[in-house]
């Protein structure tokens, strides 16, 4: 597979199956929240701000939209009831897993 053919295929999949990722900032926020959750250390909002993905205002605005769409779940911290933990919804994890599998398949066919 040629490079731009693969990239075009990836972009089509993103548009079709991941419409909630409107920008790279959205993608970065979802990846950071998911990564922290995978590591067993779910992020708080403050920790997400400290990653400097973009301005605090932009992070807050994008996070609100992702929560409203059901992509990100906000849960109370068990030990500190003032803080909330951010997690990716199970349905979104499943969808992103399929996306990752597709990326792998495209990459494998490209590097053959």
N, C-alpha and C. Protein backbone atom coordinates (compact mmCIF):
# COMPACT_ATOMS: atom_id res chain seq x y z
N UNK A 1 0.85 -1.18 0.00
CA UNK A 1 0.00 0.00 0.00
C UNK A 1 0.90 1.24 0.00
N UNK A 2 0.48 2.22 -0.74
CA UNK A 2 1.22 3.47 -0.81
C UNK A 2 0.90 4.32 0.41
N UNK A 3 1.82 5.22 0.73
CA UNK A 3 1.72 6.05 1.92
C UNK A 3 0.41 6.84 1.99
N UNK A 4 0.13 7.62 0.97
CA UNK A 4 -1.04 8.50 1.02
C UNK A 4 -2.34 7.72 0.85
N UNK A 5 -2.28 6.57 0.23
CA UNK A 5 -3.45 5.69 0.17
C UNK A 5 -3.80 5.23 1.58
N UNK A 6 -2.78 4.82 2.33
CA UNK A 6 -2.99 4.41 3.72
C UNK A 6 -3.49 5.54 4.59
N UNK A 7 -2.88 6.73 4.43
CA UNK A 7 -3.31 7.89 5.22
C UNK A 7 -4.74 8.29 4.90
N UNK A 8 -5.10 8.21 3.63
CA UNK A 8 -6.47 8.54 3.22
C UNK A 8 -7.45 7.55 3.84
N UNK A 9 -7.10 6.29 3.85
CA UNK A 9 -7.95 5.26 4.45
C UNK A 9 -8.13 5.51 5.95
N UNK A 10 -7.04 5.86 6.62
CA UNK A 10 -7.10 6.16 8.06
C UNK A 10 -8.02 7.34 8.32
N UNK A 11 -7.89 8.38 7.52
CA UNK A 11 -8.71 9.59 7.70
C UNK A 11 -10.19 9.28 7.47
N UNK A 12 -10.49 8.44 6.47
CA UNK A 12 -11.88 8.06 6.22
C UNK A 12 -12.47 7.32 7.42
N UNK A 13 -11.68 6.43 8.02
CA UNK A 13 -12.12 5.69 9.19
C UNK A 13 -12.37 6.64 10.35
N UNK A 14 -11.46 7.61 10.54
CA UNK A 14 -11.63 8.59 11.62
C UNK A 14 -12.93 9.38 11.43
N UNK A 15 -13.18 9.86 10.23
CA UNK A 15 -14.39 10.64 9.97
C UNK A 15 -15.65 9.82 10.20
N UNK A 16 -15.60 8.55 9.77
CA UNK A 16 -16.76 7.69 9.84
C UNK A 16 -17.05 7.17 11.25
N UNK A 17 -16.01 6.75 11.96
CA UNK A 17 -16.21 6.05 13.23
C UNK A 17 -15.83 6.85 14.47
N UNK A 18 -15.09 7.93 14.30
CA UNK A 18 -14.66 8.74 15.44
C UNK A 18 -15.05 10.21 15.25
N UNK A 19 -16.32 10.49 14.99
CA UNK A 19 -16.71 11.87 14.70
C UNK A 19 -16.56 12.80 15.90
N UNK A 20 -16.43 12.24 17.09
CA UNK A 20 -16.28 13.06 18.30
C UNK A 20 -14.89 13.66 18.41
N UNK A 21 -13.95 13.17 17.61
CA UNK A 21 -12.59 13.72 17.63
C UNK A 21 -12.50 14.80 16.55
N UNK A 22 -12.90 16.00 16.92
CA UNK A 22 -12.97 17.11 15.97
C UNK A 22 -11.60 17.75 15.71
N UNK A 23 -10.67 17.59 16.65
CA UNK A 23 -9.36 18.23 16.50
C UNK A 23 -8.29 17.34 17.13
N UNK A 24 -7.06 17.71 16.89
CA UNK A 24 -5.95 16.98 17.52
C UNK A 24 -5.99 17.14 19.04
N UNK A 25 -6.48 18.29 19.51
CA UNK A 25 -6.61 18.48 20.95
C UNK A 25 -7.58 17.47 21.56
N UNK A 26 -8.71 17.25 20.87
CA UNK A 26 -9.67 16.24 21.34
C UNK A 26 -8.99 14.88 21.44
N UNK A 27 -8.26 14.54 20.38
CA UNK A 27 -7.57 13.25 20.34
C UNK A 27 -6.54 13.17 21.46
N UNK A 28 -5.77 14.22 21.66
CA UNK A 28 -4.76 14.24 22.72
C UNK A 28 -5.40 14.08 24.11
N UNK A 29 -6.52 14.74 24.34
CA UNK A 29 -7.20 14.64 25.64
C UNK A 29 -7.66 13.20 25.87
N UNK A 30 -8.30 12.61 24.87
CA UNK A 30 -8.78 11.23 25.00
C UNK A 30 -7.61 10.28 25.23
N UNK A 31 -6.53 10.45 24.48
CA UNK A 31 -5.36 9.57 24.63
C UNK A 31 -4.76 9.70 26.02
N UNK A 32 -4.59 10.91 26.51
CA UNK A 32 -3.99 11.11 27.84
C UNK A 32 -4.86 10.52 28.94
N UNK A 33 -6.17 10.72 28.85
CA UNK A 33 -7.07 10.16 29.86
C UNK A 33 -7.03 8.64 29.80
N UNK A 34 -7.10 8.08 28.60
CA UNK A 34 -7.06 6.63 28.43
C UNK A 34 -5.75 6.02 28.87
N UNK A 35 -4.65 6.70 28.56
CA UNK A 35 -3.32 6.20 28.94
C UNK A 35 -3.19 6.15 30.47
N UNK A 36 -3.60 7.22 31.12
CA UNK A 36 -3.51 7.27 32.58
C UNK A 36 -4.37 6.18 33.20
N UNK A 37 -5.54 5.97 32.65
CA UNK A 37 -6.43 4.92 33.14
C UNK A 37 -5.80 3.54 32.94
N UNK A 38 -5.19 3.34 31.79
CA UNK A 38 -4.49 2.08 31.49
C UNK A 38 -3.36 1.80 32.48
N UNK A 39 -2.71 2.86 32.93
CA UNK A 39 -1.60 2.75 33.87
C UNK A 39 -2.09 2.59 35.31
N UNK A 40 -3.41 2.61 35.50
CA UNK A 40 -3.98 2.46 36.83
C UNK A 40 -3.96 3.74 37.64
N UNK A 41 -3.76 4.88 36.99
CA UNK A 41 -3.70 6.18 37.65
C UNK A 41 -4.62 7.17 36.93
N UNK A 42 -5.94 7.00 37.02
CA UNK A 42 -6.84 7.92 36.31
C UNK A 42 -6.53 9.39 36.65
N UNK A 43 -6.67 10.22 35.65
CA UNK A 43 -6.37 11.65 35.80
C UNK A 43 -7.49 12.41 36.49
N UNK A 44 -7.10 13.43 37.22
CA UNK A 44 -8.04 14.43 37.71
C UNK A 44 -8.01 15.58 36.70
N UNK A 45 -8.95 16.48 36.81
CA UNK A 45 -8.97 17.64 35.91
C UNK A 45 -7.68 18.44 36.06
N UNK A 46 -7.23 18.63 37.28
CA UNK A 46 -6.01 19.40 37.53
C UNK A 46 -4.81 18.74 36.84
N UNK A 47 -4.71 17.41 36.94
CA UNK A 47 -3.61 16.71 36.28
C UNK A 47 -3.68 16.86 34.77
N UNK A 48 -4.90 16.85 34.23
CA UNK A 48 -5.07 17.04 32.79
C UNK A 48 -4.59 18.44 32.39
N UNK A 49 -4.92 19.45 33.18
CA UNK A 49 -4.44 20.80 32.91
C UNK A 49 -2.92 20.86 32.90
N UNK A 50 -2.29 20.15 33.83
CA UNK A 50 -0.83 20.19 33.97
C UNK A 50 -0.09 19.55 32.79
N UNK A 51 -0.80 18.81 31.96
CA UNK A 51 -0.17 18.19 30.79
C UNK A 51 0.08 19.20 29.67
N UNK A 52 -0.51 20.39 29.81
CA UNK A 52 -0.33 21.48 28.83
C UNK A 52 -0.63 21.06 27.40
N UNK A 53 -1.72 20.34 27.22
CA UNK A 53 -2.15 19.94 25.88
C UNK A 53 -2.52 21.19 25.08
N UNK A 54 -3.23 22.07 25.72
CA UNK A 54 -3.60 23.37 25.16
C UNK A 54 -4.00 24.24 26.34
N UNK A 55 -4.56 25.39 26.09
CA UNK A 55 -4.90 26.28 27.20
C UNK A 55 -5.95 25.63 28.10
N UNK A 56 -5.99 26.07 29.35
CA UNK A 56 -6.97 25.52 30.31
C UNK A 56 -8.40 25.72 29.81
N UNK A 57 -8.65 26.86 29.24
CA UNK A 57 -10.00 27.16 28.73
C UNK A 57 -10.38 26.18 27.62
N UNK A 58 -9.45 25.93 26.72
CA UNK A 58 -9.72 25.00 25.62
C UNK A 58 -9.89 23.58 26.14
N UNK A 59 -9.06 23.16 27.08
CA UNK A 59 -9.20 21.83 27.66
C UNK A 59 -10.57 21.70 28.31
N UNK A 60 -10.94 22.68 29.07
CA UNK A 60 -12.23 22.65 29.79
C UNK A 60 -13.39 22.57 28.79
N UNK A 61 -13.34 23.40 27.75
CA UNK A 61 -14.41 23.43 26.75
C UNK A 61 -14.51 22.09 26.00
N UNK A 62 -13.38 21.56 25.60
CA UNK A 62 -13.36 20.30 24.86
C UNK A 62 -13.76 19.13 25.75
N UNK A 63 -13.34 19.17 27.01
CA UNK A 63 -13.68 18.10 27.94
C UNK A 63 -15.19 18.09 28.21
N UNK A 64 -15.78 19.25 28.37
CA UNK A 64 -17.23 19.33 28.58
C UNK A 64 -17.97 18.67 27.41
N UNK A 65 -17.53 18.95 26.21
CA UNK A 65 -18.17 18.37 25.02
C UNK A 65 -17.98 16.86 24.98
N UNK A 66 -16.78 16.37 25.32
CA UNK A 66 -16.52 14.93 25.34
C UNK A 66 -17.34 14.22 26.42
N UNK A 67 -17.55 14.89 27.54
CA UNK A 67 -18.38 14.33 28.62
C UNK A 67 -19.85 14.29 28.17
N UNK A 68 -20.32 15.38 27.56
CA UNK A 68 -21.71 15.43 27.09
C UNK A 68 -21.99 14.35 26.05
N UNK A 69 -21.00 14.02 25.23
CA UNK A 69 -21.15 13.00 24.20
C UNK A 69 -20.99 11.58 24.74
N UNK A 70 -20.60 11.47 26.00
CA UNK A 70 -20.45 10.15 26.61
C UNK A 70 -19.12 9.48 26.31
N UNK A 71 -18.17 10.22 25.79
CA UNK A 71 -16.85 9.67 25.48
C UNK A 71 -16.03 9.58 26.76
N UNK A 72 -16.06 10.64 27.54
CA UNK A 72 -15.33 10.70 28.82
C UNK A 72 -16.36 10.63 29.95
N UNK A 73 -16.00 9.88 30.98
CA UNK A 73 -16.84 9.76 32.17
C UNK A 73 -16.11 10.44 33.31
N UNK A 74 -16.87 11.19 34.11
CA UNK A 74 -16.31 11.87 35.28
C UNK A 74 -16.88 11.19 36.52
N UNK A 75 -15.99 10.67 37.38
CA UNK A 75 -16.43 10.00 38.61
C UNK A 75 -15.78 10.64 39.82
N UNK A 76 -16.48 10.62 40.93
CA UNK A 76 -15.91 11.16 42.17
C UNK A 76 -14.73 10.30 42.61
N UNK A 77 -13.70 10.95 43.09
CA UNK A 77 -12.53 10.27 43.64
C UNK A 77 -12.93 9.60 44.96
N UNK A 78 -12.59 8.34 45.12
CA UNK A 78 -13.01 7.59 46.31
C UNK A 78 -12.44 8.18 47.61
N UNK A 79 -11.20 8.66 47.57
CA UNK A 79 -10.54 9.16 48.77
C UNK A 79 -10.68 10.66 48.97
N UNK A 80 -10.87 11.40 47.88
CA UNK A 80 -10.95 12.85 47.94
C UNK A 80 -12.21 13.29 47.21
N UNK A 81 -13.27 13.51 47.94
CA UNK A 81 -14.55 13.82 47.32
C UNK A 81 -14.60 15.19 46.64
N UNK A 82 -13.55 15.97 46.79
CA UNK A 82 -13.49 17.25 46.08
C UNK A 82 -13.06 17.04 44.64
N UNK A 83 -12.34 15.97 44.38
CA UNK A 83 -11.77 15.72 43.05
C UNK A 83 -12.62 14.72 42.27
N UNK A 84 -12.56 14.83 40.95
CA UNK A 84 -13.20 13.88 40.05
C UNK A 84 -12.13 13.19 39.23
N UNK A 85 -12.36 11.92 38.94
CA UNK A 85 -11.45 11.17 38.07
C UNK A 85 -12.05 11.12 36.68
N UNK A 86 -11.20 11.22 35.68
CA UNK A 86 -11.64 11.19 34.29
C UNK A 86 -11.31 9.82 33.70
N UNK A 87 -12.29 9.22 33.03
CA UNK A 87 -12.10 7.91 32.41
C UNK A 87 -12.79 7.89 31.06
N UNK A 88 -12.33 7.00 30.20
CA UNK A 88 -12.94 6.83 28.89
C UNK A 88 -14.06 5.80 29.04
N UNK A 89 -15.22 6.07 28.44
CA UNK A 89 -16.36 5.14 28.55
C UNK A 89 -16.00 3.81 27.90
N UNK A 90 -16.54 2.71 28.42
CA UNK A 90 -16.24 1.39 27.85
C UNK A 90 -16.57 1.29 26.35
N UNK A 91 -17.66 1.89 25.90
CA UNK A 91 -18.00 1.82 24.48
C UNK A 91 -16.97 2.57 23.63
N UNK A 92 -16.45 3.67 24.16
CA UNK A 92 -15.42 4.42 23.43
C UNK A 92 -14.10 3.65 23.40
N UNK A 93 -13.78 2.97 24.49
CA UNK A 93 -12.55 2.15 24.53
C UNK A 93 -12.65 1.06 23.46
N UNK A 94 -13.81 0.45 23.35
CA UNK A 94 -14.02 -0.61 22.35
C UNK A 94 -13.85 -0.03 20.94
N UNK A 95 -14.45 1.11 20.68
CA UNK A 95 -14.36 1.76 19.38
C UNK A 95 -12.92 2.14 19.05
N UNK A 96 -12.22 2.71 20.03
CA UNK A 96 -10.82 3.09 19.81
C UNK A 96 -9.93 1.85 19.63
N UNK A 97 -10.30 0.74 20.26
CA UNK A 97 -9.57 -0.51 20.06
C UNK A 97 -9.69 -1.00 18.63
N UNK A 98 -10.88 -0.90 18.06
CA UNK A 98 -11.09 -1.28 16.66
C UNK A 98 -10.28 -0.37 15.73
N UNK A 99 -10.27 0.91 16.08
CA UNK A 99 -9.50 1.89 15.30
C UNK A 99 -8.02 1.54 15.33
N UNK A 100 -7.52 1.20 16.53
CA UNK A 100 -6.11 0.81 16.66
C UNK A 100 -5.79 -0.43 15.85
N UNK A 101 -6.71 -1.39 15.83
CA UNK A 101 -6.51 -2.60 15.02
C UNK A 101 -6.44 -2.28 13.54
N UNK A 102 -7.29 -1.37 13.10
CA UNK A 102 -7.29 -0.96 11.70
C UNK A 102 -5.99 -0.25 11.34
N UNK A 103 -5.52 0.61 12.24
CA UNK A 103 -4.24 1.30 12.00
C UNK A 103 -3.11 0.28 11.87
N UNK A 104 -3.12 -0.72 12.74
CA UNK A 104 -2.09 -1.75 12.69
C UNK A 104 -2.14 -2.49 11.37
N UNK A 105 -3.33 -2.87 10.94
CA UNK A 105 -3.47 -3.59 9.67
C UNK A 105 -2.96 -2.76 8.49
N UNK A 106 -3.29 -1.47 8.49
CA UNK A 106 -2.83 -0.60 7.41
C UNK A 106 -1.32 -0.45 7.45
N UNK A 107 -0.75 -0.28 8.65
CA UNK A 107 0.70 -0.14 8.79
C UNK A 107 1.41 -1.40 8.35
N UNK A 108 0.89 -2.56 8.71
CA UNK A 108 1.51 -3.83 8.33
C UNK A 108 1.52 -3.99 6.82
N UNK A 109 0.39 -3.63 6.18
CA UNK A 109 0.33 -3.76 4.71
C UNK A 109 1.26 -2.75 4.03
N UNK A 110 1.47 -1.60 4.65
CA UNK A 110 2.36 -0.58 4.09
C UNK A 110 3.82 -1.00 4.16
N UNK A 111 4.22 -1.62 5.28
CA UNK A 111 5.62 -1.95 5.50
C UNK A 111 6.01 -3.33 4.99
N UNK A 112 5.12 -4.00 4.27
CA UNK A 112 5.47 -5.31 3.69
C UNK A 112 6.48 -5.17 2.61
